[in-house]
Amino acid sequence: MQTLYDVQEWLKKYGFINLMPERIDAIYMMQNEIKELHERGILADNDADFLKASLILKREARIESTKNEK
């Protein structure tokens, strides 16, 4: 898993389909979904995919926020 698209495809396994038109909104919704899956115990703390997805989403959110600042 290396891109935002990979995270979207991974989340489809858990029934989350992204329909947000704005990229930053989609990123925040995916972050919330991953957080919810983690809190419910579906994703473990040491799950490699959970950790990678979290980092990818943080990176993408940072990139989008810097784009919006310009």
C-alpha atoms as a PDB file:
ATOM      1  CA  MET A   1       0.000   0.000   0.000  1.00  0.00           C
ATOM      2  CA  GLN A   2       1.590   3.250  -1.162  1.00  0.00           C
ATOM      3  CA  THR A   3      -1.074   5.627  -2.492  1.00  0.00           C
ATOM      4  CA  LEU A   4      -4.418   7.103  -1.543  1.00  0.00           C
ATOM      5  CA  TYR A   5      -6.028   4.877  -4.158  1.00  0.00           C
ATOM      6  CA  ASP A   6      -4.558   1.813  -2.422  1.00  0.00           C
ATOM      7  CA  VAL A   7      -6.125   2.960   0.855  1.00  0.00           C
ATOM      8  CA  GLN A   8      -9.483   3.420  -0.877  1.00  0.00           C
ATOM      9  CA  GLU A   9      -9.303  -0.089  -2.299  1.00  0.00           C
ATOM     10  CA  TRP A  10      -8.270  -1.525   1.082  1.00  0.00           C
ATOM     11  CA  LEU A  11     -11.203   0.161   2.811  1.00  0.00           C
ATOM     12  CA  LYS A  12     -13.612  -1.446   0.347  1.00  0.00           C
ATOM     13  CA  LYS A  13     -12.947  -4.730   2.172  1.00  0.00           C
ATOM     14  CA  TYR A  14     -14.650  -3.172   5.183  1.00  0.00           C
ATOM     15  CA  GLY A  15     -17.589  -1.763   3.229  1.00  0.00           C
ATOM     16  CA  PHE A  16     -16.395   1.848   2.927  1.00  0.00           C
ATOM     17  CA  ILE A  17     -16.776   3.369  -0.522  1.00  0.00           C
ATOM     18  CA  ASN A  18     -15.615   6.915  -1.078  1.00  0.00           C
ATOM     19  CA  LEU A  19     -18.191   9.138  -2.801  1.00  0.00           C
ATOM     20  CA  MET A  20     -16.790  12.492  -1.735  1.00  0.00           C
ATOM     21  CA  PRO A  21     -16.149  14.892  -4.620  1.00  0.00           C
ATOM     22  CA  GLU A  22     -13.431  16.881  -2.820  1.00  0.00           C
ATOM     23  CA  ARG A  23     -10.129  15.118  -2.203  1.00  0.00           C
ATOM     24  CA  ILE A  24      -9.514  16.630   1.237  1.00  0.00           C
ATOM     25  CA  ASP A  25     -13.009  15.654   2.389  1.00  0.00           C
ATOM     26  CA  ALA A  26     -12.422  12.098   1.197  1.00  0.00           C
ATOM     27  CA  ILE A  27      -9.154  11.935   3.128  1.00  0.00           C
ATOM     28  CA  TYR A  28     -10.802  13.103   6.348  1.00  0.00           C
ATOM     29  CA  MET A  29     -13.659  10.638   5.927  1.00  0.00           C
ATOM     30  CA  MET A  30     -11.209   7.791   5.389  1.00  0.00           C
ATOM     31  CA  GLN A  31      -9.268   8.842   8.493  1.00  0.00           C
ATOM     32  CA  ASN A  32     -12.500   8.788  10.488  1.00  0.00           C
ATOM     33  CA  GLU A  33     -13.442   5.387   9.093  1.00  0.00           C
ATOM     34  CA  ILE A  34     -10.065   3.885   9.994  1.00  0.00           C
ATOM     35  CA  LYS A  35     -10.308   5.401  13.474  1.00  0.00           C
ATOM     36  CA  GLU A  36     -13.786   3.893  13.904  1.00  0.00           C
ATOM     37  CA  LEU A  37     -12.631   0.459  12.721  1.00  0.00           C
ATOM     38  CA  HIS A  38      -9.741   0.631  15.176  1.00  0.00           C
ATOM     39  CA  GLU A  39     -11.945   1.699  18.092  1.00  0.00           C
ATOM     40  CA  ARG A  40     -14.361  -1.164  17.425  1.00  0.00           C
ATOM     41  CA  GLY A  41     -11.509  -3.662  17.508  1.00  0.00           C
ATOM     42  CA  ILE A  42     -11.686  -4.634  13.847  1.00  0.00           C
ATOM     43  CA  LEU A  43      -8.193  -3.268  13.233  1.00  0.00           C
ATOM     44  CA  ALA A  44      -5.448  -4.046  15.737  1.00  0.00           C
ATOM     45  CA  ASP A  45      -2.769  -1.603  16.900  1.00  0.00           C
ATOM     46  CA  ASN A  46      -0.032  -3.641  15.256  1.00  0.00           C
ATOM     47  CA  ASP A  47      -1.865  -4.299  11.965  1.00  0.00           C
ATOM     48  CA  ALA A  48       0.593  -3.328   9.212  1.00  0.00           C
ATOM     49  CA  ASP A  49      -2.151  -2.199   6.809  1.00  0.00           C
ATOM     50  CA  PHE A  50      -3.739  -0.020   9.494  1.00  0.00           C
ATOM     51  CA  LEU A  51      -0.421   1.684  10.210  1.00  0.00           C
ATOM     52  CA  LYS A  52       0.425   2.197   6.532  1.00  0.00           C
ATOM     53  CA  ALA A  53      -3.035   3.560   5.738  1.00  0.00           C
ATOM     54  CA  SER A  54      -2.844   5.984   8.663  1.00  0.00           C
ATOM     55  CA  LEU A  55       0.519   7.311   7.501  1.00  0.00           C
ATOM     56  CA  ILE A  56      -0.606   7.623   3.889  1.00  0.00           C
ATOM     57  CA  LEU A  57      -3.718   9.548   4.904  1.00  0.00           C
ATOM     58  CA  LYS A  58      -1.701  11.889   7.144  1.00  0.00           C
ATOM     59  CA  ARG A  59       0.734  12.545   4.298  1.00  0.00           C
ATOM     60  CA  GLU A  60      -2.060  13.198   1.795  1.00  0.00           C
ATOM     61  CA  ALA A  61      -3.882  15.517   4.224  1.00  0.00           C
ATOM     62  CA  ARG A  62      -0.664  17.496   4.728  1.00  0.00           C
ATOM     63  CA  ILE A  63      -0.135  17.761   0.960  1.00  0.00           C
ATOM     64  CA  GLU A  64      -3.697  18.930   0.361  1.00  0.00           C
ATOM     65  CA  SER A  65      -3.562  21.482   3.166  1.00  0.00           C
ATOM     66  CA  THR A  66      -0.369  23.005   1.742  1.00  0.00           C
ATOM     67  CA  LYS A  67      -2.015  23.166  -1.690  1.00  0.00           C
ATOM     68  CA  ASN A  68      -4.969  25.044  -0.215  1.00  0.00           C
ATOM     69  CA  GLU A  69      -2.693  27.526   1.559  1.00  0.00           C
ATOM     70  CA  LYS A  70      -1.099  28.659  -1.700  1.00  0.00           C
END
